[in-house]
Amino acid sequence: MMRILLCLIFVVFIAILVMVGIISKRANPVMLDEQGRPLSLADHHSGR
């Protein structure tokens, strides 16, 4: 009985990790500067 419960918890944990991975791939985060304006990639790499 204990082994079944442990396997069930493990499966739920893996499912949560997979879902978080899928959701984070879909999300398109935007880096903001101190004033809350979106940073472009060129500004970010130039050290600005």
N, C-alpha and C. Protein backbone atom coordinates (compact mmCIF):
# COMPACT_ATOMS: atom_id res chain seq x y z
N MET A 1 0.84 -1.21 0.00
CA MET A 1 0.00 0.00 0.00
C MET A 1 0.87 1.26 0.00
N MET A 2 1.92 1.25 0.82
CA MET A 2 2.80 2.42 0.92
C MET A 2 3.53 2.66 -0.41
N ARG A 3 3.89 1.57 -1.07
CA ARG A 3 4.60 1.70 -2.35
C ARG A 3 3.71 2.31 -3.42
N ILE A 4 2.45 1.95 -3.44
CA ILE A 4 1.50 2.51 -4.41
C ILE A 4 1.34 4.02 -4.16
N LEU A 5 1.24 4.40 -2.90
CA LEU A 5 1.11 5.81 -2.56
C LEU A 5 2.35 6.59 -2.98
N LEU A 6 3.51 6.02 -2.75
CA LEU A 6 4.77 6.66 -3.14
C LEU A 6 4.85 6.81 -4.66
N CYS A 7 4.47 5.79 -5.40
CA CYS A 7 4.46 5.87 -6.86
C CYS A 7 3.48 6.93 -7.35
N LEU A 8 2.33 7.02 -6.71
CA LEU A 8 1.34 8.01 -7.09
C LEU A 8 1.86 9.43 -6.87
N ILE A 9 2.52 9.66 -5.74
CA ILE A 9 3.10 10.97 -5.45
C ILE A 9 4.19 11.30 -6.47
N PHE A 10 5.01 10.31 -6.83
CA PHE A 10 6.06 10.51 -7.82
C PHE A 10 5.48 10.87 -9.18
N VAL A 11 4.42 10.19 -9.60
CA VAL A 11 3.78 10.47 -10.89
C VAL A 11 3.19 11.88 -10.89
N VAL A 12 2.56 12.28 -9.80
CA VAL A 12 1.99 13.63 -9.71
C VAL A 12 3.09 14.67 -9.77
N PHE A 13 4.21 14.43 -9.10
CA PHE A 13 5.33 15.36 -9.11
C PHE A 13 5.89 15.52 -10.52
N ILE A 14 6.08 14.42 -11.24
CA ILE A 14 6.58 14.47 -12.61
C ILE A 14 5.59 15.19 -13.51
N ALA A 15 4.30 14.95 -13.32
CA ALA A 15 3.28 15.62 -14.13
C ALA A 15 3.32 17.13 -13.90
N ILE A 16 3.51 17.56 -12.66
CA ILE A 16 3.61 18.99 -12.36
C ILE A 16 4.84 19.58 -13.04
N LEU A 17 5.97 18.89 -12.99
CA LEU A 17 7.18 19.38 -13.66
C LEU A 17 6.97 19.51 -15.17
N VAL A 18 6.33 18.55 -15.77
CA VAL A 18 6.08 18.60 -17.22
C VAL A 18 5.15 19.77 -17.56
N MET A 19 4.11 19.96 -16.77
CA MET A 19 3.17 21.06 -17.03
C MET A 19 3.86 22.41 -16.88
N VAL A 20 4.68 22.56 -15.86
CA VAL A 20 5.42 23.82 -15.66
C VAL A 20 6.35 24.07 -16.85
N GLY A 21 7.00 23.03 -17.33
CA GLY A 21 7.87 23.16 -18.49
C GLY A 21 7.11 23.60 -19.72
N ILE A 22 5.96 23.00 -19.96
CA ILE A 22 5.15 23.37 -21.13
C ILE A 22 4.66 24.80 -21.02
N ILE A 23 4.17 25.19 -19.84
CA ILE A 23 3.65 26.54 -19.64
C ILE A 23 4.76 27.57 -19.80
N SER A 24 5.95 27.27 -19.28
CA SER A 24 7.04 28.24 -19.38
C SER A 24 7.54 28.36 -20.82
N LYS A 25 7.42 27.32 -21.63
CA LYS A 25 7.79 27.42 -23.04
C LYS A 25 6.80 28.31 -23.79
N ARG A 26 5.52 28.23 -23.42
CA ARG A 26 4.49 29.04 -24.09
C ARG A 26 4.58 30.51 -23.70
N ALA A 27 5.00 30.79 -22.49
CA ALA A 27 5.06 32.17 -22.02
C ALA A 27 6.14 32.92 -22.79
N ASN A 28 5.91 34.20 -22.99
CA ASN A 28 6.88 35.03 -23.70
C ASN A 28 7.23 36.20 -22.79
N PRO A 29 8.14 35.98 -21.83
CA PRO A 29 8.44 37.05 -20.88
C PRO A 29 9.16 38.22 -21.54
N VAL A 30 8.92 39.41 -21.03
CA VAL A 30 9.54 40.62 -21.55
C VAL A 30 10.31 41.27 -20.41
N MET A 31 11.60 41.52 -20.62
CA MET A 31 12.40 42.20 -19.62
C MET A 31 12.03 43.68 -19.61
N LEU A 32 11.90 44.25 -18.40
CA LEU A 32 11.55 45.65 -18.26
C LEU A 32 12.71 46.42 -17.66
N ASP A 33 12.82 47.70 -18.03
CA ASP A 33 13.84 48.54 -17.40
C ASP A 33 13.28 49.13 -16.11
N GLU A 34 14.02 50.06 -15.50
CA GLU A 34 13.60 50.60 -14.20
C GLU A 34 12.30 51.38 -14.28
N GLN A 35 11.98 51.93 -15.45
CA GLN A 35 10.75 52.70 -15.62
C GLN A 35 9.57 51.82 -16.06
N GLY A 36 9.81 50.55 -16.26
CA GLY A 36 8.73 49.65 -16.65
C GLY A 36 8.55 49.54 -18.15
N ARG A 37 9.46 50.11 -18.93
CA ARG A 37 9.37 50.00 -20.39
C ARG A 37 10.05 48.71 -20.83
N PRO A 38 9.51 48.06 -21.86
CA PRO A 38 10.14 46.83 -22.35
C PRO A 38 11.53 47.10 -22.90
N LEU A 39 12.47 46.23 -22.58
CA LEU A 39 13.82 46.33 -23.12
C LEU A 39 13.88 45.56 -24.43
N SER A 40 14.56 46.12 -25.41
CA SER A 40 14.79 45.36 -26.64
C SER A 40 16.05 44.53 -26.44
N LEU A 41 16.22 43.51 -27.28
CA LEU A 41 17.38 42.64 -27.16
C LEU A 41 18.66 43.42 -27.45
N ALA A 42 18.62 44.36 -28.37
CA ALA A 42 19.81 45.13 -28.72
C ALA A 42 20.26 45.99 -27.52
N ASP A 43 19.32 46.60 -26.81
CA ASP A 43 19.65 47.40 -25.63
C ASP A 43 20.25 46.54 -24.54
N HIS A 44 19.71 45.33 -24.39
CA HIS A 44 20.14 44.45 -23.33
C HIS A 44 21.57 43.97 -23.55
N HIS A 45 21.94 43.66 -24.81
CA HIS A 45 23.27 43.13 -25.09
C HIS A 45 24.33 44.20 -25.19
N SER A 46 23.94 45.44 -25.41
CA SER A 46 24.93 46.49 -25.55
C SER A 46 25.42 47.00 -24.18
N GLY A 47 24.86 46.48 -23.11
CA GLY A 47 25.30 46.87 -21.78
C GLY A 47 24.65 48.16 -21.30
N ARG A 48 23.57 48.55 -21.91
CA ARG A 48 22.87 49.76 -21.54
C ARG A 48 22.09 49.65 -20.29
